[in-house]
């Protein structure tokens, strides 16, 4: 029979009271979202966010804009940070979306170009 001290994480083995050994504590992992289901529109610490299916939280930084496509999967940002290009796929045709004017004070201009692929 063994007695364990939770505070010190040391086990004293019966019959060997002078022998102490360290007992490793179990490591428990859990997703940052806890038990919340995947969602596209939720709030985390007062910030608009999304919960991914694996329980991770995504909170956008900076400006958010529509790329006019169902599934953008590639992104390139110009060196000056004023333009963005996305490569898109999904239920509709393959396309490229160009977003310009990101650094100006006005709303960015978004243009989608459909591709024959």
C-alpha atoms as a PDB file:
ATOM      1  CA  UNK A   1       0.000   0.000   0.000  1.00  0.00           C
ATOM      2  CA  UNK A   2       1.354   3.440  -0.889  1.00  0.00           C
ATOM      3  CA  UNK A   3       0.502   6.868   0.451  1.00  0.00           C
ATOM      4  CA  UNK A   4       0.877   9.858  -1.826  1.00  0.00           C
ATOM      5  CA  UNK A   5       1.157  13.508  -0.909  1.00  0.00           C
ATOM      6  CA  UNK A   6      -0.579  15.538  -3.622  1.00  0.00           C
ATOM      7  CA  UNK A   7       1.175  18.740  -2.605  1.00  0.00           C
ATOM      8  CA  UNK A   8       4.699  17.350  -2.800  1.00  0.00           C
ATOM      9  CA  UNK A   9       4.057  14.674  -5.445  1.00  0.00           C
ATOM     10  CA  UNK A  10       6.222  12.211  -3.455  1.00  0.00           C
ATOM     11  CA  UNK A  11       5.205   8.658  -2.664  1.00  0.00           C
ATOM     12  CA  UNK A  12       6.139   6.801   0.519  1.00  0.00           C
ATOM     13  CA  UNK A  13       6.193   3.043   0.023  1.00  0.00           C
ATOM     14  CA  UNK A  14       4.945   0.892   2.953  1.00  0.00           C
ATOM     15  CA  UNK A  15       7.801  -0.883   4.728  1.00  0.00           C
ATOM     16  CA  UNK A  16      10.327   1.484   3.209  1.00  0.00           C
ATOM     17  CA  UNK A  17       9.476   4.710   4.979  1.00  0.00           C
ATOM     18  CA  UNK A  18      12.962   6.104   4.439  1.00  0.00           C
ATOM     19  CA  UNK A  19      12.739   5.596   0.677  1.00  0.00           C
ATOM     20  CA  UNK A  20      11.017   8.384  -1.241  1.00  0.00           C
ATOM     21  CA  UNK A  21      10.543   8.478  -4.991  1.00  0.00           C
ATOM     22  CA  UNK A  22       9.027  11.038  -7.315  1.00  0.00           C
ATOM     23  CA  UNK A  23       5.757  10.055  -8.947  1.00  0.00           C
ATOM     24  CA  UNK A  24       5.090  11.796 -12.264  1.00  0.00           C
ATOM     25  CA  UNK A  25       1.825  13.693 -12.425  1.00  0.00           C
ATOM     26  CA  UNK A  26      -0.398  13.020 -15.414  1.00  0.00           C
ATOM     27  CA  UNK A  27      -0.408  15.734 -18.061  1.00  0.00           C
ATOM     28  CA  UNK A  28      -3.864  16.719 -19.222  1.00  0.00           C
ATOM     29  CA  UNK A  29      -4.357  18.468 -22.554  1.00  0.00           C
ATOM     30  CA  UNK A  30      -7.505  20.088 -23.841  1.00  0.00           C
ATOM     31  CA  UNK A  31      -8.419  22.312 -26.737  1.00  0.00           C
ATOM     32  CA  UNK A  32      -8.518  26.060 -26.032  1.00  0.00           C
ATOM     33  CA  UNK A  33     -12.208  26.145 -27.020  1.00  0.00           C
ATOM     34  CA  UNK A  34     -13.037  23.553 -24.370  1.00  0.00           C
ATOM     35  CA  UNK A  35     -16.334  21.809 -25.174  1.00  0.00           C
ATOM     36  CA  UNK A  36     -17.615  24.516 -27.517  1.00  0.00           C
ATOM     37  CA  UNK A  37     -18.479  23.234 -31.035  1.00  0.00           C
ATOM     38  CA  UNK A  38     -16.931  24.546 -34.258  1.00  0.00           C
ATOM     39  CA  UNK A  39     -18.408  27.914 -35.211  1.00  0.00           C
ATOM     40  CA  UNK A  40     -17.671  30.636 -37.764  1.00  0.00           C
ATOM     41  CA  UNK A  41     -18.953  33.520 -35.688  1.00  0.00           C
ATOM     42  CA  UNK A  42     -18.332  33.620 -31.954  1.00  0.00           C
ATOM     43  CA  UNK A  43     -16.740  35.933 -29.413  1.00  0.00           C
ATOM     44  CA  UNK A  44     -13.544  35.167 -27.507  1.00  0.00           C
ATOM     45  CA  UNK A  45     -12.454  37.652 -24.843  1.00  0.00           C
ATOM     46  CA  UNK A  46     -14.612  40.336 -26.465  1.00  0.00           C
ATOM     47  CA  UNK A  47     -13.089  39.799 -29.942  1.00  0.00           C
ATOM     48  CA  UNK A  48     -14.870  38.378 -32.992  1.00  0.00           C
ATOM     49  CA  UNK A  49     -13.468  34.879 -33.597  1.00  0.00           C
ATOM     50  CA  UNK A  50     -14.044  31.412 -35.019  1.00  0.00           C
ATOM     51  CA  UNK A  51     -13.659  27.948 -33.481  1.00  0.00           C
ATOM     52  CA  UNK A  52     -12.012  25.354 -35.735  1.00  0.00           C
ATOM     53  CA  UNK A  53     -13.179  21.705 -35.702  1.00  0.00           C
ATOM     54  CA  UNK A  54     -10.054  20.737 -33.708  1.00  0.00           C
ATOM     55  CA  UNK A  55     -10.995  23.181 -30.915  1.00  0.00           C
ATOM     56  CA  UNK A  56      -8.457  25.871 -31.767  1.00  0.00           C
ATOM     57  CA  UNK A  57      -9.502  29.522 -31.733  1.00  0.00           C
ATOM     58  CA  UNK A  58      -8.897  31.911 -34.619  1.00  0.00           C
ATOM     59  CA  UNK A  59      -9.042  35.631 -33.957  1.00  0.00           C
ATOM     60  CA  UNK A  60      -8.273  37.892 -36.929  1.00  0.00           C
ATOM     61  CA  UNK A  61      -5.710  40.624 -36.551  1.00  0.00           C
ATOM     62  CA  UNK A  62      -6.058  43.745 -38.633  1.00  0.00           C
ATOM     63  CA  UNK A  63      -8.701  44.260 -41.293  1.00  0.00           C
ATOM     64  CA  UNK A  64     -11.096  41.611 -42.556  1.00  0.00           C
ATOM     65  CA  UNK A  65     -12.556  41.703 -46.071  1.00  0.00           C
ATOM     66  CA  UNK A  66     -14.538  39.482 -48.437  1.00  0.00           C
ATOM     67  CA  UNK A  67     -12.574  37.742 -51.205  1.00  0.00           C
ATOM     68  CA  UNK A  68     -15.740  36.995 -53.239  1.00  0.00           C
ATOM     69  CA  UNK A  69     -15.011  33.252 -53.329  1.00  0.00           C
ATOM     70  CA  UNK A  70     -16.193  30.247 -51.318  1.00  0.00           C
ATOM     71  CA  UNK A  71     -12.830  28.652 -50.479  1.00  0.00           C
ATOM     72  CA  UNK A  72      -9.659  30.753 -50.662  1.00  0.00           C
ATOM     73  CA  UNK A  73      -6.669  28.494 -49.951  1.00  0.00           C
ATOM     74  CA  UNK A  74      -3.626  30.487 -51.009  1.00  0.00           C
ATOM     75  CA  UNK A  75      -2.620  34.014 -50.059  1.00  0.00           C
ATOM     76  CA  UNK A  76       0.146  36.345 -51.223  1.00  0.00           C
ATOM     77  CA  UNK A  77       0.766  39.834 -49.838  1.00  0.00           C
ATOM     78  CA  UNK A  78       2.711  42.461 -51.771  1.00  0.00           C
ATOM     79  CA  UNK A  79       5.976  43.746 -50.304  1.00  0.00           C
ATOM     80  CA  UNK A  80       4.396  47.103 -49.430  1.00  0.00           C
ATOM     81  CA  UNK A  81       1.345  45.429 -47.838  1.00  0.00           C
ATOM     82  CA  UNK A  82      -1.069  47.365 -50.049  1.00  0.00           C
ATOM     83  CA  UNK A  83      -2.265  44.400 -52.183  1.00  0.00           C
ATOM     84  CA  UNK A  84      -3.343  40.818 -51.553  1.00  0.00           C
ATOM     85  CA  UNK A  85      -3.995  37.975 -54.003  1.00  0.00           C
ATOM     86  CA  UNK A  86      -5.859  34.770 -53.124  1.00  0.00           C
ATOM     87  CA  UNK A  87      -6.206  31.534 -55.086  1.00  0.00           C
ATOM     88  CA  UNK A  88      -9.719  30.119 -54.729  1.00  0.00           C
ATOM     89  CA  UNK A  89     -11.478  26.801 -55.283  1.00  0.00           C
ATOM     90  CA  UNK A  90     -14.740  25.285 -54.158  1.00  0.00           C
ATOM     91  CA  UNK A  91     -18.196  24.703 -55.580  1.00  0.00           C
ATOM     92  CA  UNK A  92     -17.749  27.407 -58.201  1.00  0.00           C
ATOM     93  CA  UNK A  93     -14.973  27.894 -60.750  1.00  0.00           C
ATOM     94  CA  UNK A  94     -11.337  28.291 -59.810  1.00  0.00           C
ATOM     95  CA  UNK A  95     -10.460  31.957 -59.447  1.00  0.00           C
ATOM     96  CA  UNK A  96      -7.974  34.546 -58.287  1.00  0.00           C
ATOM     97  CA  UNK A  97      -9.072  37.456 -56.122  1.00  0.00           C
ATOM     98  CA  UNK A  98      -7.085  40.695 -56.092  1.00  0.00           C
ATOM     99  CA  UNK A  99      -7.587  43.140 -53.234  1.00  0.00           C
ATOM    100  CA  UNK A 100      -5.971  46.563 -53.559  1.00  0.00           C
ATOM    101  CA  UNK A 101      -5.862  49.690 -51.449  1.00  0.00           C
ATOM    102  CA  UNK A 102      -5.317  47.964 -48.095  1.00  0.00           C
ATOM    103  CA  UNK A 103      -3.113  50.721 -46.719  1.00  0.00           C
ATOM    104  CA  UNK A 104      -5.368  53.580 -47.787  1.00  0.00           C
ATOM    105  CA  UNK A 105      -7.957  54.937 -45.405  1.00  0.00           C
ATOM    106  CA  UNK A 106     -10.755  53.996 -47.805  1.00  0.00           C
ATOM    107  CA  UNK A 107     -12.360  50.583 -48.221  1.00  0.00           C
ATOM    108  CA  UNK A 108     -10.218  48.141 -50.229  1.00  0.00           C
ATOM    109  CA  UNK A 109     -11.194  47.317 -53.817  1.00  0.00           C
ATOM    110  CA  UNK A 110     -11.825  43.600 -54.442  1.00  0.00           C
ATOM    111  CA  UNK A 111     -11.840  42.035 -57.915  1.00  0.00           C
ATOM    112  CA  UNK A 112     -12.391  38.337 -58.681  1.00  0.00           C
ATOM    113  CA  UNK A 113     -10.988  36.799 -61.856  1.00  0.00           C
ATOM    114  CA  UNK A 114     -12.473  33.422 -62.905  1.00  0.00           C
ATOM    115  CA  UNK A 115     -10.079  30.899 -64.432  1.00  0.00           C
ATOM    116  CA  UNK A 116     -10.722  28.166 -66.997  1.00  0.00           C
ATOM    117  CA  UNK A 117      -8.998  25.182 -65.420  1.00  0.00           C
END
